[in-house]
Amino acid sequence: MTRFVRWAAVAAASALLATGCSGSSSDGAQTGDRTSDADSSAPSTGSSATALPSSLTAQKLDWGDCKATGDSPAPGDEWRCATLKTPLDWAKPEGRTIDVALIRTKATGEDRIGSLLFNFGGPGSSGVSTMPWYADSASELGKRYDLVSFDPRGVGASEGVRCRSDKEIQASESVDITPDTPAEETAYFQDAIAFGKGCQKAEGQLMAHVSTTDTARDMDLIRQVLGDRKMHYFGISYGTELGGVYAHLFPGTVGRMILDAVVDPSADSEGHTENQARGFQRALNNYLKSTGQGAEAGTQKIVDLLKRIDANPMPTSSDRKLTESLALTGIIRPLYSEASWPTLTSALEAAERGDGSELLALGDDYNDRDASGRYGTGTHSQRVISCLDDKQRPTVEETKKLLPRFEKVSPVFGPMLGWDTGGWCHDWPVAGQYDTPEVSAPGAAPILLVGNTGDPATPYEGTRRMADELGKGVGVMLTWQGEGHSAYGKGSGCVDSTVNAYLLKGTVPKDGKVCS
């Protein structure tokens, strides 16, 4: 079973939208233009400061050539890669270590500020493979910052987890994600149990040490080893939750921090899933209206299509058939970017003619399946990390009680996501850590939160809730009235100039500024 919705900014293609702006970057307050804060490798001064052994804090990174990752070729010579040693168990910093993979390109200008650390979402997205691809969007930032990213523990080159073979993943696509009979229910939950056991067999001890809190502590060690006095950070999607947790643990080391496509920290696992059902239905409604259809009529047409596919998987141009699960992921993939909406139109029209090939291709793209049938491991890492974070473990009966509410929120996505609340971490071999993440960060420097009103995966309402939980004077909201997942680098000059002014000059915009 593959979770349908990921907080992954890298799942979306860049959308170039023509936008205007209300307000200007000159309405903010200057926080000072620090030129280089990399002159000190001072230890953390945040609330979670601990005395770490010098074997960790004084380690010298051996920056060398980067290797090809997956189907992506090795990046150019301006990119260098290294491996950081970090404790497997942060309660035992002198114990066993694991590897965290890093990638960096040096600032191109002379007035360097320091390092800017990126996390691109997921959880489970590889920063090592994504950073070179994203660098064009951050070209202005790269003049004054070293652009740095990493594969979080349990991801990619950092002890990445693999819980199933490619053959097993493809077989799981035939499992009905909206069970209609007792037999289908049994198969659905047995598949969930089998996935957890596969993770436990493959990863063992690591499964208990890949939480968001563990990764936040790794980030502060990265900061120290890079020699930065402050943490300058750009988190997208799930990376906003990671940034909030970091700010809570280390408020005194927060420098300039951008959280774009903000996760609602006040929502538990069930709440997140309902938020996403609402967000994707909202994006679908906007898409349908753009095609001249009424949202209600267009939604019902898609519901009817999915019911037909559920009953009889649709033929494609390959030997594989389009299942309901693959059709749903195929529909969701283009909703991440308004520029991809025509692709969705074409795929839905083909499916109405009885050809599921285009929706299958979109679903495969979302699931990181290449033409040879190999799958990426991002969804494995995502599940292992999120099930360690989340304490909620709804029973089968509790799950069934959620279904009417979820279907009302979203007739298209609600049924699947309702079942997902119970199936995702069903009978998971490791207990979850919290209901909701703690992100309060009293005393931290102002953190800029960028919310997109049309964001499907991280609905806009979460931006205000993150600001409230970070605390008064910490969370500063910037709103973009756009479509798609995340905002920076998506074509809004207003958003980009505001973010650049904050990161490059320390200009904090007025809380509540709106880019339209």
Protein backbone atom coordinates (compact mmCIF):
# COMPACT_ATOMS: atom_id res chain seq x y z
CA MET A 1 0.00 0.00 0.00
CA THR A 2 1.39 3.37 -1.00
CA ARG A 3 0.20 6.43 0.84
CA PHE A 4 -1.66 8.67 -1.54
CA VAL A 5 -0.68 12.12 -0.32
CA ARG A 6 2.86 13.19 0.48
CA TRP A 7 4.02 16.54 1.82
CA ALA A 8 6.63 16.56 -0.89
CA ALA A 9 7.45 19.73 -2.75
CA VAL A 10 9.65 17.81 -5.18
CA ALA A 11 6.59 15.95 -6.48
CA ALA A 12 5.42 19.12 -8.21
CA ALA A 13 6.80 20.57 -11.41
CA SER A 14 7.52 24.28 -11.36
CA ALA A 15 4.52 26.36 -12.39
CA LEU A 16 5.17 29.77 -13.90
CA LEU A 17 2.21 31.90 -12.89
CA ALA A 18 1.65 35.56 -13.74
CA THR A 19 1.06 37.30 -10.43
CA GLY A 20 0.95 40.73 -8.86
CA CYS A 21 1.68 41.87 -5.35
CA SER A 22 -0.02 43.87 -2.65
CA GLY A 23 2.45 45.51 -0.34
CA SER A 24 6.19 45.74 -0.91
CA SER A 25 9.36 44.47 0.65
CA SER A 26 10.04 47.93 2.00
CA ASP A 27 7.26 47.53 4.59
CA GLY A 28 9.42 45.36 6.81
CA ALA A 29 11.93 45.93 9.54
CA GLN A 30 15.63 45.36 9.15
CA THR A 31 17.12 42.61 11.28
CA GLY A 32 20.66 43.41 10.23
CA ASP A 33 22.77 42.30 7.30
CA ARG A 34 25.12 39.72 8.74
CA THR A 35 27.97 39.23 6.36
CA SER A 36 29.52 36.00 7.55
CA ASP A 37 28.51 34.02 10.56
CA ALA A 38 30.68 31.07 9.63
CA ASP A 39 33.57 32.30 11.72
CA SER A 40 32.48 30.35 14.76
CA SER A 41 31.56 26.71 15.31
CA ALA A 42 30.07 27.50 18.70
CA PRO A 43 27.90 24.75 20.17
CA SER A 44 24.12 25.03 20.26
CA THR A 45 22.75 27.67 22.56
CA GLY A 46 19.13 26.54 22.22
CA SER A 47 16.99 24.92 24.90
CA SER A 48 18.19 21.44 23.90
CA ALA A 49 21.90 22.17 24.00
CA THR A 50 23.90 19.13 25.09
CA ALA A 51 27.61 18.53 25.48
CA LEU A 52 28.49 16.47 22.42
CA PRO A 53 31.75 14.58 22.08
CA SER A 54 34.40 16.26 19.96
CA SER A 55 34.41 13.18 17.74
CA LEU A 56 31.09 14.55 16.43
CA THR A 57 31.45 18.34 16.63
CA ALA A 58 35.07 18.49 15.44
CA GLN A 59 34.76 16.00 12.59
CA LYS A 60 36.20 17.20 9.30
CA LEU A 61 34.05 16.59 6.26
CA ASP A 62 35.80 15.07 3.26
CA TRP A 63 34.12 16.90 0.39
CA GLY A 64 34.54 15.04 -2.89
CA ASP A 65 32.87 14.28 -6.20
CA CYS A 66 29.16 13.53 -6.09
CA LYS A 67 27.89 10.26 -7.51
CA ALA A 68 24.91 9.67 -9.75
CA THR A 69 21.69 8.95 -7.82
CA GLY A 70 19.03 6.70 -9.28
CA ASP A 71 18.39 7.76 -12.86
CA SER A 72 19.92 11.19 -12.29
CA PRO A 73 23.47 11.77 -13.55
CA ALA A 74 26.15 13.09 -11.24
CA PRO A 75 25.86 16.88 -10.82
CA GLY A 76 28.49 19.28 -12.17
CA ASP A 77 31.86 20.00 -10.62
CA GLU A 78 30.48 22.91 -8.59
CA TRP A 79 28.71 20.36 -6.39
CA ARG A 80 30.61 18.48 -3.70
CA CYS A 81 29.39 15.67 -1.46
CA ALA A 82 30.41 14.44 1.97
CA THR A 83 29.29 12.13 4.76
CA LEU A 84 28.57 13.26 8.32
CA LYS A 85 28.71 10.92 11.30
CA THR A 86 25.77 11.35 13.66
CA PRO A 87 24.58 9.26 16.63
CA LEU A 88 22.11 6.49 15.91
CA ASP A 89 20.51 7.26 19.29
CA TRP A 90 20.70 10.90 20.37
CA ALA A 91 20.25 9.78 23.98
CA LYS A 92 23.62 8.07 23.61
CA PRO A 93 25.76 10.52 21.60
CA GLU A 94 28.95 8.58 22.26
CA GLY A 95 27.48 5.33 20.99
CA ARG A 96 27.00 3.88 17.52
CA THR A 97 26.96 6.35 14.62
CA ILE A 98 25.20 6.36 11.28
CA ASP A 99 25.99 8.22 8.06
CA VAL A 100 24.15 11.31 6.81
CA ALA A 101 24.87 12.29 3.21
CA LEU A 102 25.43 15.98 2.38
CA ILE A 103 25.72 18.01 -0.81
CA ARG A 104 26.99 21.59 -1.18
CA THR A 105 27.87 24.26 -3.68
CA LYS A 106 29.80 27.30 -2.49
CA ALA A 107 28.43 30.85 -2.59
CA THR A 108 29.29 32.52 -5.89
CA GLY A 109 29.60 36.06 -4.50
CA GLU A 110 32.13 37.64 -2.17
CA ASP A 111 29.78 38.81 0.60
CA ARG A 112 28.98 35.33 1.91
CA ILE A 113 26.45 35.05 4.76
CA GLY A 114 26.90 31.37 5.58
CA SER A 115 25.22 28.07 4.75
CA LEU A 116 21.56 27.78 3.75
CA LEU A 117 20.29 24.28 4.57
CA PHE A 118 17.36 22.91 2.53
CA ASN A 119 14.81 20.18 3.19
CA PHE A 120 12.46 19.46 0.30
CA GLY A 121 9.70 17.56 2.06
CA GLY A 122 8.32 14.07 2.17
CA PRO A 123 9.25 12.90 4.71
CA GLY A 124 11.48 10.81 2.53
CA SER A 125 12.67 13.21 -0.18
CA SER A 126 16.37 13.11 -1.02
CA GLY A 127 18.05 16.47 -0.66
CA VAL A 128 21.24 15.16 -2.27
CA SER A 129 19.48 14.40 -5.55
CA THR A 130 17.05 17.35 -5.41
CA MET A 131 19.39 20.22 -4.50
CA PRO A 132 21.16 20.50 -7.89
CA TRP A 133 17.79 20.34 -9.66
CA TYR A 134 16.36 23.08 -7.43
CA ALA A 135 19.42 25.33 -7.58
CA ASP A 136 18.15 27.41 -10.52
CA SER A 137 15.17 28.50 -8.40
CA ALA A 138 17.61 29.54 -5.66
CA SER A 139 20.19 31.21 -7.89
CA GLU A 140 19.90 34.60 -6.17
CA LEU A 141 20.33 32.95 -2.77
CA GLY A 142 23.37 31.07 -4.04
CA LYS A 143 25.25 34.32 -4.49
CA ARG A 144 25.56 34.85 -0.73
CA TYR A 145 24.93 31.40 0.72
CA ASP A 146 26.52 28.03 0.31
CA LEU A 147 23.51 25.98 -0.84
CA VAL A 148 23.47 22.81 1.26
CA SER A 149 21.12 19.87 1.53
CA PHE A 150 21.13 16.36 2.93
CA ASP A 151 19.41 13.01 2.90
CA PRO A 152 17.77 12.77 6.33
CA ARG A 153 18.45 9.61 8.30
CA GLY A 154 16.56 6.71 6.76
CA VAL A 155 16.47 8.39 3.34
CA GLY A 156 18.47 7.73 0.17
CA ALA A 157 22.21 7.68 0.80
CA SER A 158 21.71 8.17 4.58
CA GLU A 159 20.99 4.62 5.65
CA GLY A 160 17.94 4.66 3.36
CA VAL A 161 15.23 2.11 4.13
CA ARG A 162 13.79 -0.41 1.68
CA CYS A 163 10.91 -2.50 3.00
CA ARG A 164 9.80 -4.26 -0.19
CA SER A 165 11.18 -5.48 -3.48
CA ASP A 166 10.02 -3.94 -6.76
CA LYS A 167 8.01 -7.08 -7.46
CA GLU A 168 6.27 -6.84 -4.08
CA ILE A 169 5.49 -3.14 -4.59
CA GLN A 170 3.87 -3.79 -7.95
CA ALA A 171 1.84 -6.68 -6.49
CA SER A 172 0.56 -4.41 -3.70
CA GLU A 173 -0.95 -2.07 -6.29
CA SER A 174 -3.72 -4.62 -6.79
CA VAL A 175 -4.86 -4.27 -3.16
CA ASP A 176 -8.21 -2.45 -3.00
CA ILE A 177 -7.60 0.85 -1.20
CA THR A 178 -11.34 1.40 -0.60
CA PRO A 179 -12.40 -2.06 0.59
CA ASP A 180 -15.99 -3.02 -0.16
CA THR A 181 -16.11 -6.55 1.27
CA PRO A 182 -14.76 -8.32 4.38
CA ALA A 183 -12.23 -10.13 2.17
CA GLU A 184 -10.96 -6.84 0.74
CA GLU A 185 -10.71 -5.35 4.24
CA THR A 186 -8.65 -8.32 5.38
CA ALA A 187 -6.31 -8.03 2.39
CA TYR A 188 -5.96 -4.29 2.94
CA PHE A 189 -4.85 -4.57 6.56
CA GLN A 190 -2.73 -7.68 5.97
CA ASP A 191 -0.83 -5.71 3.34
CA ALA A 192 -0.19 -2.97 5.92
CA ILE A 193 1.10 -5.50 8.45
CA ALA A 194 3.34 -7.12 5.85
CA PHE A 195 4.88 -3.77 4.96
CA GLY A 196 5.75 -3.03 8.59
CA LYS A 197 7.29 -6.46 9.06
CA GLY A 198 9.33 -5.96 5.90
CA CYS A 199 10.70 -2.69 7.28
CA GLN A 200 11.52 -4.30 10.61
CA LYS A 201 13.33 -7.20 8.95
CA ALA A 202 15.33 -4.94 6.68
CA GLU A 203 16.09 -2.07 9.06
CA GLY A 204 15.76 -3.39 12.61
CA GLN A 205 17.23 -0.94 15.15
CA LEU A 206 17.14 2.05 12.78
CA MET A 207 13.31 2.09 12.76
CA ALA A 208 13.24 3.55 16.28
CA HIS A 209 15.65 6.39 15.42
CA VAL A 210 14.39 8.12 12.26
CA SER A 211 11.93 10.56 13.84
CA THR A 212 11.60 14.22 12.93
CA THR A 213 13.16 15.09 16.28
CA ASP A 214 16.19 12.89 15.50
CA THR A 215 16.64 14.65 12.16
CA ALA A 216 16.28 18.10 13.75
CA ARG A 217 19.16 17.23 16.07
CA ASP A 218 21.17 16.02 13.08
CA MET A 219 20.57 19.42 11.49
CA ASP A 220 22.12 21.21 14.43
CA LEU A 221 25.16 18.96 14.23
CA ILE A 222 25.38 19.82 10.51
CA ARG A 223 25.32 23.49 11.48
CA GLN A 224 28.15 23.07 13.95
CA VAL A 225 30.35 20.97 11.65
CA LEU A 226 29.85 23.44 8.80
CA GLY A 227 31.03 26.18 11.17
CA ASP A 228 27.87 28.30 11.18
CA ARG A 229 26.93 30.30 14.25
CA LYS A 230 23.26 30.39 13.21
CA MET A 231 20.99 27.98 11.34
CA HIS A 232 19.80 29.51 8.08
CA TYR A 233 17.18 27.14 6.71
CA PHE A 234 14.71 26.71 3.85
CA GLY A 235 12.08 24.07 4.54
CA ILE A 236 9.38 23.12 2.04
CA SER A 237 6.24 21.07 2.79
CA TYR A 238 7.17 18.46 5.45
CA GLY A 239 10.38 20.46 5.76
CA THR A 240 8.30 23.15 7.48
CA GLU A 241 7.38 20.75 10.27
CA LEU A 242 11.04 19.77 10.54
CA GLY A 243 11.96 23.46 10.73
CA GLY A 244 9.38 24.10 13.44
CA VAL A 245 10.69 21.20 15.52
CA TYR A 246 14.25 22.51 15.08
CA ALA A 247 13.18 25.98 16.21
CA HIS A 248 11.56 24.50 19.32
CA LEU A 249 14.68 22.51 20.22
CA PHE A 250 17.22 25.23 19.35
CA PRO A 251 15.53 28.66 19.41
CA GLY A 252 18.80 30.42 20.19
CA THR A 253 20.46 29.26 16.98
CA VAL A 254 17.62 30.13 14.59
CA GLY A 255 18.94 32.56 12.00
CA ARG A 256 16.94 33.28 8.84
CA MET A 257 14.38 30.54 8.39
CA ILE A 258 11.85 30.16 5.55
CA LEU A 259 8.96 27.69 5.86
CA ASP A 260 7.15 27.37 2.50
CA ALA A 261 3.96 25.25 2.06
CA VAL A 262 3.38 25.04 5.77
CA VAL A 263 2.23 21.89 7.56
CA ASP A 264 -0.39 22.42 10.29
CA PRO A 265 1.42 21.51 13.54
CA SER A 266 -1.82 21.52 15.55
CA ALA A 267 -3.32 18.61 13.58
CA ASP A 268 -2.82 15.00 14.60
CA SER A 269 -2.48 12.25 11.99
CA GLU A 270 -6.23 12.04 11.46
CA GLY A 271 -6.47 15.82 11.24
CA HIS A 272 -3.66 16.01 8.68
CA THR A 273 -5.38 13.43 6.52
CA GLU A 274 -8.69 15.30 6.66
CA ASN A 275 -6.89 18.58 5.89
CA GLN A 276 -5.34 17.02 2.82
CA ALA A 277 -8.65 15.60 1.64
CA ARG A 278 -10.04 19.13 1.87
CA GLY A 279 -6.98 20.67 0.19
CA PHE A 280 -6.95 18.29 -2.77
CA GLN A 281 -10.69 18.58 -3.28
CA ARG A 282 -10.30 22.37 -3.25
CA ALA A 283 -7.56 22.13 -5.89
CA LEU A 284 -9.67 19.72 -7.95
CA ASN A 285 -12.63 22.12 -7.78
CA ASN A 286 -10.40 24.95 -9.00
CA TYR A 287 -9.13 22.76 -11.83
CA LEU A 288 -12.66 21.76 -12.84
CA LYS A 289 -13.81 25.38 -12.88
CA SER A 290 -10.84 26.27 -15.11
CA THR A 291 -12.13 23.77 -17.67
CA GLY A 292 -15.62 25.26 -17.66
CA GLN A 293 -17.17 22.47 -15.60
CA GLY A 294 -19.13 22.90 -12.42
CA ALA A 295 -17.21 21.60 -9.41
CA GLU A 296 -20.08 19.36 -8.26
CA ALA A 297 -20.83 17.87 -11.68
CA GLY A 298 -17.16 17.41 -12.53
CA THR A 299 -16.48 15.76 -9.19
CA GLN A 300 -19.34 13.31 -9.67
CA LYS A 301 -18.03 12.40 -13.12
CA ILE A 302 -14.64 11.52 -11.62
CA VAL A 303 -16.28 9.58 -8.76
CA ASP A 304 -18.21 7.52 -11.31
CA LEU A 305 -15.01 6.88 -13.29
CA LEU A 306 -13.18 5.69 -10.15
CA LYS A 307 -16.05 3.36 -9.26
CA ARG A 308 -15.84 1.74 -12.69
CA ILE A 309 -12.07 1.32 -12.35
CA ASP A 310 -12.50 -0.11 -8.83
CA ALA A 311 -14.89 -2.72 -10.16
CA ASN A 312 -12.89 -3.46 -13.33
CA PRO A 313 -9.30 -2.19 -13.61
CA MET A 314 -8.83 -0.38 -16.91
CA PRO A 315 -6.66 -1.61 -19.81
CA THR A 316 -3.56 0.37 -20.77
CA SER A 317 -1.06 0.25 -23.60
CA SER A 318 1.16 -1.98 -21.45
CA ASP A 319 0.48 -5.35 -19.85
CA ARG A 320 -0.48 -3.58 -16.61
CA LYS A 321 -3.97 -2.38 -15.77
CA LEU A 322 -5.00 0.90 -14.17
CA THR A 323 -6.25 0.20 -10.64
CA GLU A 324 -8.19 2.62 -8.45
CA SER A 325 -5.05 3.33 -6.44
CA LEU A 326 -3.02 4.19 -9.54
CA ALA A 327 -5.87 6.24 -10.98
CA LEU A 328 -6.09 8.33 -7.80
CA THR A 329 -2.35 8.98 -7.74
CA GLY A 330 -2.56 9.80 -11.44
CA ILE A 331 -5.24 12.42 -10.71
CA ILE A 332 -3.39 13.90 -7.77
CA ARG A 333 -0.03 14.26 -9.54
CA PRO A 334 -1.02 17.18 -11.84
CA LEU A 335 -2.82 19.00 -9.00
CA TYR A 336 0.57 19.89 -7.50
CA SER A 337 1.09 22.44 -10.26
CA GLU A 338 -1.38 24.54 -12.24
CA ALA A 339 0.90 24.21 -15.27
CA SER A 340 0.13 20.47 -15.26
CA TRP A 341 -3.65 20.83 -15.37
CA PRO A 342 -3.84 20.27 -19.17
CA THR A 343 -2.08 16.94 -18.60
CA LEU A 344 -4.86 15.95 -16.21
CA THR A 345 -7.50 16.92 -18.77
CA SER A 346 -5.89 14.70 -21.40
CA ALA A 347 -5.54 11.75 -19.00
CA LEU A 348 -9.17 11.97 -17.80
CA GLU A 349 -10.48 12.22 -21.36
CA ALA A 350 -8.48 9.13 -22.35
CA ALA A 351 -9.79 7.23 -19.32
CA GLU A 352 -13.36 8.11 -20.23
CA ARG A 353 -12.65 6.45 -23.59
CA GLY A 354 -11.46 3.34 -21.78
CA ASP A 355 -7.70 3.91 -22.05
CA GLY A 356 -5.92 4.17 -18.69
CA SER A 357 -2.41 4.65 -20.10
CA GLU A 358 -2.03 8.34 -19.32
CA LEU A 359 -3.33 8.08 -15.75
CA LEU A 360 -1.07 5.06 -15.23
CA ALA A 361 1.97 7.05 -16.38
CA LEU A 362 1.08 9.89 -14.00
CA GLY A 363 0.58 7.43 -11.13
CA ASP A 364 3.91 5.76 -11.86
CA ASP A 365 5.63 9.15 -11.88
CA TYR A 366 4.17 9.95 -8.48
CA ASN A 367 5.21 6.53 -7.14
CA ASP A 368 8.81 6.90 -8.43
CA ARG A 369 8.48 3.97 -10.83
CA ASP A 370 10.72 4.09 -13.87
CA ALA A 371 10.16 2.53 -17.30
CA SER A 372 12.01 -0.65 -16.33
CA GLY A 373 9.77 -1.26 -13.32
CA ARG A 374 12.16 -0.09 -10.61
CA TYR A 375 10.71 1.91 -7.73
CA GLY A 376 12.33 4.57 -5.58
CA THR A 377 12.37 4.17 -1.82
CA GLY A 378 10.94 7.56 -0.86
CA THR A 379 7.57 6.11 0.12
CA HIS A 380 9.31 3.51 2.31
CA SER A 381 11.22 6.20 4.17
CA GLN A 382 8.10 8.34 4.44
CA ARG A 383 6.14 5.59 6.13
CA VAL A 384 8.91 4.59 8.54
CA ILE A 385 9.46 8.22 9.60
CA SER A 386 5.81 9.24 9.89
CA CYS A 387 4.79 6.08 11.78
CA LEU A 388 7.57 6.72 14.29
CA ASP A 389 6.36 10.30 14.70
CA ASP A 390 2.61 9.60 14.96
CA LYS A 391 1.11 7.97 18.04
CA GLN A 392 -2.34 7.47 16.53
CA ARG A 393 -3.23 3.89 15.64
CA PRO A 394 -6.97 3.84 14.77
CA THR A 395 -8.68 0.46 14.96
CA VAL A 396 -10.60 -0.97 12.02
CA GLU A 397 -13.90 0.07 13.61
CA GLU A 398 -12.63 3.58 14.38
CA THR A 399 -11.49 3.87 10.77
CA LYS A 400 -14.91 2.89 9.43
CA LYS A 401 -16.58 5.57 11.56
CA LEU A 402 -14.42 8.23 9.86
CA LEU A 403 -15.48 7.31 6.33
CA PRO A 404 -18.75 9.29 6.05
CA ARG A 405 -17.04 12.47 7.27
CA PHE A 406 -14.09 12.08 4.91
CA GLU A 407 -16.35 11.33 1.94
CA LYS A 408 -18.34 14.47 2.68
CA VAL A 409 -15.14 16.53 2.75
CA SER A 410 -13.99 15.03 -0.56
CA PRO A 411 -16.09 12.60 -2.63
CA VAL A 412 -13.01 11.86 -4.78
CA PHE A 413 -10.20 11.57 -2.23
CA GLY A 414 -12.06 11.13 1.07
CA PRO A 415 -12.84 7.38 0.87
CA MET A 416 -9.23 6.42 0.20
CA LEU A 417 -7.82 8.83 2.77
CA GLY A 418 -10.36 7.70 5.36
CA TRP A 419 -9.18 4.11 5.03
CA ASP A 420 -5.60 5.36 5.01
CA THR A 421 -5.90 6.72 8.56
CA GLY A 422 -6.22 3.15 9.82
CA GLY A 423 -4.08 1.31 7.31
CA TRP A 424 -0.98 3.48 7.14
CA CYS A 425 0.51 2.51 10.51
CA HIS A 426 -1.69 -0.52 11.26
CA ASP A 427 0.00 -2.90 13.74
CA TRP A 428 3.27 -1.00 13.25
CA PRO A 429 6.24 -2.67 15.01
CA VAL A 430 7.46 0.58 16.65
CA ALA A 431 5.35 2.90 18.84
CA GLY A 432 4.78 6.49 17.72
CA GLN A 433 6.22 9.41 19.67
CA TYR A 434 3.59 12.19 19.74
CA ASP A 435 0.09 13.25 18.74
CA THR A 436 1.27 16.59 17.36
CA PRO A 437 4.79 18.03 17.04
CA GLU A 438 5.97 20.67 19.51
CA VAL A 439 7.06 23.79 17.62
CA SER A 440 6.81 26.59 20.16
CA ALA A 441 9.99 28.65 19.90
CA PRO A 442 9.97 31.56 22.36
CA GLY A 443 12.96 33.81 21.87
CA ALA A 444 13.70 32.63 18.33
CA ALA A 445 14.39 35.15 15.58
CA PRO A 446 11.46 35.92 13.23
CA ILE A 447 10.62 32.96 10.97
CA LEU A 448 8.99 33.70 7.60
CA LEU A 449 6.02 31.42 6.78
CA VAL A 450 4.87 31.33 3.15
CA GLY A 451 1.32 30.05 2.58
CA ASN A 452 -0.35 29.43 -0.77
CA THR A 453 -4.17 29.75 -0.76
CA GLY A 454 -4.49 27.09 -3.48
CA ASP A 455 -2.02 24.59 -2.02
CA PRO A 456 -3.52 21.07 -2.24
CA ALA A 457 -1.09 19.09 -0.05
CA THR A 458 -0.53 21.59 2.78
CA PRO A 459 -3.74 23.64 2.93
CA TYR A 460 -3.30 27.35 3.56
CA GLU A 461 -5.01 27.28 6.98
CA GLY A 462 -1.95 25.52 8.43
CA THR A 463 0.17 28.63 7.91
CA ARG A 464 -1.71 30.63 10.54
CA ARG A 465 -1.69 27.68 12.93
CA MET A 466 2.07 27.34 12.60
CA ALA A 467 2.48 31.06 13.26
CA ASP A 468 0.31 30.80 16.37
CA GLU A 469 2.21 27.81 17.72
CA LEU A 470 5.67 29.23 17.05
CA GLY A 471 4.66 32.12 19.30
CA LYS A 472 4.13 35.84 19.24
CA GLY A 473 6.81 37.72 17.35
CA VAL A 474 8.30 34.55 15.85
CA GLY A 475 5.98 33.41 13.05
CA VAL A 476 5.57 36.03 10.28
CA MET A 477 2.99 35.21 7.57
CA LEU A 478 3.35 35.87 3.84
CA THR A 479 0.34 34.83 1.71
CA TRP A 480 0.35 33.99 -1.99
CA GLN A 481 -3.01 33.80 -3.72
CA GLY A 482 -1.90 31.11 -6.16
CA GLU A 483 -2.31 27.47 -7.14
CA GLY A 484 -0.13 24.42 -6.67
CA HIS A 485 2.17 23.20 -3.91
CA SER A 486 4.58 25.76 -2.38
CA ALA A 487 5.16 29.33 -3.57
CA TYR A 488 8.82 30.34 -3.92
CA GLY A 489 10.16 30.07 -7.45
CA LYS A 490 6.68 29.52 -8.92
CA GLY A 491 6.47 32.75 -10.88
CA SER A 492 5.43 35.32 -8.28
CA GLY A 493 7.87 38.21 -8.28
CA CYS A 494 6.24 39.43 -5.09
CA VAL A 495 6.89 36.16 -3.23
CA ASP A 496 10.41 35.74 -4.56
CA SER A 497 11.50 39.31 -3.84
CA THR A 498 10.08 39.17 -0.31
CA VAL A 499 11.81 35.89 0.47
CA ASN A 500 15.06 37.08 -1.09
CA ALA A 501 14.99 40.33 0.88
CA TYR A 502 14.49 38.39 4.11
CA LEU A 503 17.24 35.85 3.44
CA LEU A 504 19.76 38.19 1.80
CA LYS A 505 19.21 41.46 3.67
CA GLY A 506 17.43 40.40 6.85
CA THR A 507 14.30 42.38 5.91
CA VAL A 508 11.32 40.97 7.79
CA PRO A 509 8.06 41.80 5.94
CA LYS A 510 4.97 43.02 7.70
CA ASP A 511 3.05 40.09 9.19
CA GLY A 512 0.08 39.35 6.93
CA LYS A 513 1.55 40.64 3.67
CA VAL A 514 -0.34 39.30 0.62
CA CYS A 515 0.99 38.55 -2.87
CA SER A 516 -1.79 38.18 -5.43
